[in-house]
């Protein structure tokens, strides 16, 4: 564990964790946007 900690600096670890969080947030936002657009389209279709 100590060797890994020496090899990987904490800043890099935080950056990778932030990038993963941003990807998940973007995926959730895109899914929500798609759902709202789909609901609006279905309402307009009827």
N, C-alpha and C. Protein backbone atom coordinates (compact mmCIF):
# COMPACT_ATOMS: atom_id res chain seq x y z
N UNK A 1 0.83 -1.21 0.00
CA UNK A 1 0.00 0.00 0.00
C UNK A 1 0.87 1.26 0.00
N UNK A 2 1.94 1.23 0.81
CA UNK A 2 2.80 2.43 0.89
C UNK A 2 3.49 2.65 -0.45
N UNK A 3 3.94 1.56 -1.11
CA UNK A 3 4.60 1.71 -2.40
C UNK A 3 3.63 2.30 -3.43
N UNK A 4 2.40 1.80 -3.46
CA UNK A 4 1.42 2.34 -4.40
C UNK A 4 1.17 3.82 -4.11
N UNK A 5 1.10 4.16 -2.83
CA UNK A 5 0.85 5.55 -2.46
C UNK A 5 2.02 6.43 -2.93
N UNK A 6 3.23 5.87 -2.87
CA UNK A 6 4.39 6.63 -3.33
C UNK A 6 4.35 6.80 -4.84
N UNK A 7 3.95 5.73 -5.54
CA UNK A 7 3.95 5.80 -7.00
C UNK A 7 2.84 6.73 -7.50
N UNK A 8 1.65 6.60 -6.92
CA UNK A 8 0.53 7.44 -7.36
C UNK A 8 0.34 8.61 -6.40
N UNK A 9 0.63 9.82 -6.83
CA UNK A 9 0.41 10.98 -5.96
C UNK A 9 -1.08 11.19 -5.70
N UNK A 10 -1.44 11.77 -4.55
CA UNK A 10 -2.86 11.95 -4.22
C UNK A 10 -3.57 12.87 -5.21
N UNK A 11 -2.84 13.85 -5.77
CA UNK A 11 -3.48 14.78 -6.69
C UNK A 11 -3.97 14.04 -7.93
N UNK A 12 -3.13 13.14 -8.45
CA UNK A 12 -3.54 12.38 -9.63
C UNK A 12 -4.75 11.51 -9.30
N UNK A 13 -4.74 10.92 -8.10
CA UNK A 13 -5.86 10.06 -7.70
C UNK A 13 -7.15 10.88 -7.63
N UNK A 14 -7.06 12.09 -7.08
CA UNK A 14 -8.24 12.95 -6.98
C UNK A 14 -8.73 13.33 -8.39
N UNK A 15 -7.78 13.59 -9.30
CA UNK A 15 -8.17 13.96 -10.66
C UNK A 15 -8.92 12.83 -11.34
N UNK A 16 -8.40 11.59 -11.20
CA UNK A 16 -9.07 10.46 -11.84
C UNK A 16 -10.45 10.26 -11.23
N UNK A 17 -10.55 10.38 -9.90
CA UNK A 17 -11.84 10.22 -9.24
C UNK A 17 -12.82 11.30 -9.71
N UNK A 18 -12.33 12.53 -9.87
CA UNK A 18 -13.19 13.62 -10.33
C UNK A 18 -13.66 13.37 -11.75
N UNK A 19 -12.75 12.86 -12.61
CA UNK A 19 -13.14 12.60 -14.00
C UNK A 19 -14.23 11.53 -14.06
N UNK A 20 -14.11 10.50 -13.22
CA UNK A 20 -15.13 9.45 -13.20
C UNK A 20 -16.46 10.03 -12.73
N UNK A 21 -16.42 10.87 -11.69
CA UNK A 21 -17.64 11.48 -11.20
C UNK A 21 -18.28 12.37 -12.26
N UNK A 22 -17.44 13.12 -13.00
CA UNK A 22 -17.97 13.99 -14.05
C UNK A 22 -18.61 13.15 -15.15
N UNK A 23 -18.01 12.01 -15.50
CA UNK A 23 -18.59 11.15 -16.53
C UNK A 23 -19.94 10.63 -16.09
N UNK A 24 -20.03 10.19 -14.82
CA UNK A 24 -21.31 9.67 -14.31
C UNK A 24 -22.36 10.79 -14.31
N UNK A 25 -21.94 12.00 -13.89
CA UNK A 25 -22.87 13.12 -13.85
C UNK A 25 -23.36 13.46 -15.25
N UNK A 26 -22.44 13.44 -16.24
CA UNK A 26 -22.84 13.74 -17.62
C UNK A 26 -23.80 12.68 -18.13
N UNK A 27 -23.54 11.41 -17.80
CA UNK A 27 -24.43 10.33 -18.25
C UNK A 27 -25.82 10.51 -17.65
N UNK A 28 -25.88 10.81 -16.35
CA UNK A 28 -27.18 11.01 -15.69
C UNK A 28 -27.90 12.21 -16.29
N UNK A 29 -27.15 13.30 -16.55
CA UNK A 29 -27.76 14.51 -17.11
C UNK A 29 -28.31 14.22 -18.51
N UNK A 30 -27.52 13.49 -19.32
CA UNK A 30 -27.98 13.16 -20.68
C UNK A 30 -29.21 12.26 -20.61
N UNK A 31 -29.23 11.32 -19.66
CA UNK A 31 -30.39 10.43 -19.53
C UNK A 31 -31.62 11.23 -19.13
N UNK A 32 -31.46 12.16 -18.19
CA UNK A 32 -32.59 12.99 -17.77
C UNK A 32 -33.09 13.85 -18.92
N UNK A 33 -32.16 14.44 -19.67
CA UNK A 33 -32.54 15.28 -20.80
C UNK A 33 -33.28 14.44 -21.85
N UNK A 34 -32.76 13.24 -22.13
CA UNK A 34 -33.41 12.37 -23.10
C UNK A 34 -34.81 11.97 -22.63
N UNK A 35 -34.94 11.68 -21.33
CA UNK A 35 -36.25 11.30 -20.80
C UNK A 35 -37.25 12.43 -20.92
N UNK A 36 -36.83 13.66 -20.59
CA UNK A 36 -37.74 14.81 -20.68
C UNK A 36 -38.11 15.06 -22.14
N UNK A 37 -37.13 14.98 -23.04
CA UNK A 37 -37.43 15.19 -24.45
C UNK A 37 -38.38 14.11 -24.96
N UNK A 38 -38.16 12.86 -24.55
CA UNK A 38 -39.03 11.76 -24.98
C UNK A 38 -40.45 11.97 -24.45
N UNK A 39 -40.58 12.41 -23.20
CA UNK A 39 -41.91 12.64 -22.63
C UNK A 39 -42.60 13.78 -23.38
N UNK A 40 -41.87 14.85 -23.66
CA UNK A 40 -42.45 15.97 -24.41
C UNK A 40 -42.88 15.51 -25.80
N UNK A 41 -42.04 14.70 -26.45
CA UNK A 41 -42.38 14.21 -27.79
C UNK A 41 -43.63 13.34 -27.74
N UNK A 42 -43.72 12.48 -26.73
CA UNK A 42 -44.89 11.60 -26.61
C UNK A 42 -46.15 12.44 -26.37
N UNK A 43 -46.05 13.49 -25.53
CA UNK A 43 -47.20 14.35 -25.26
C UNK A 43 -47.60 15.08 -26.54
N UNK A 44 -46.61 15.57 -27.29
CA UNK A 44 -46.92 16.29 -28.53
C UNK A 44 -47.48 15.33 -29.58
N UNK A 45 -47.01 14.08 -29.59
CA UNK A 45 -47.48 13.11 -30.57
C UNK A 45 -48.97 12.84 -30.35
N UNK A 46 -49.38 12.75 -29.07
CA UNK A 46 -50.80 12.52 -28.79
C UNK A 46 -51.57 13.81 -29.07
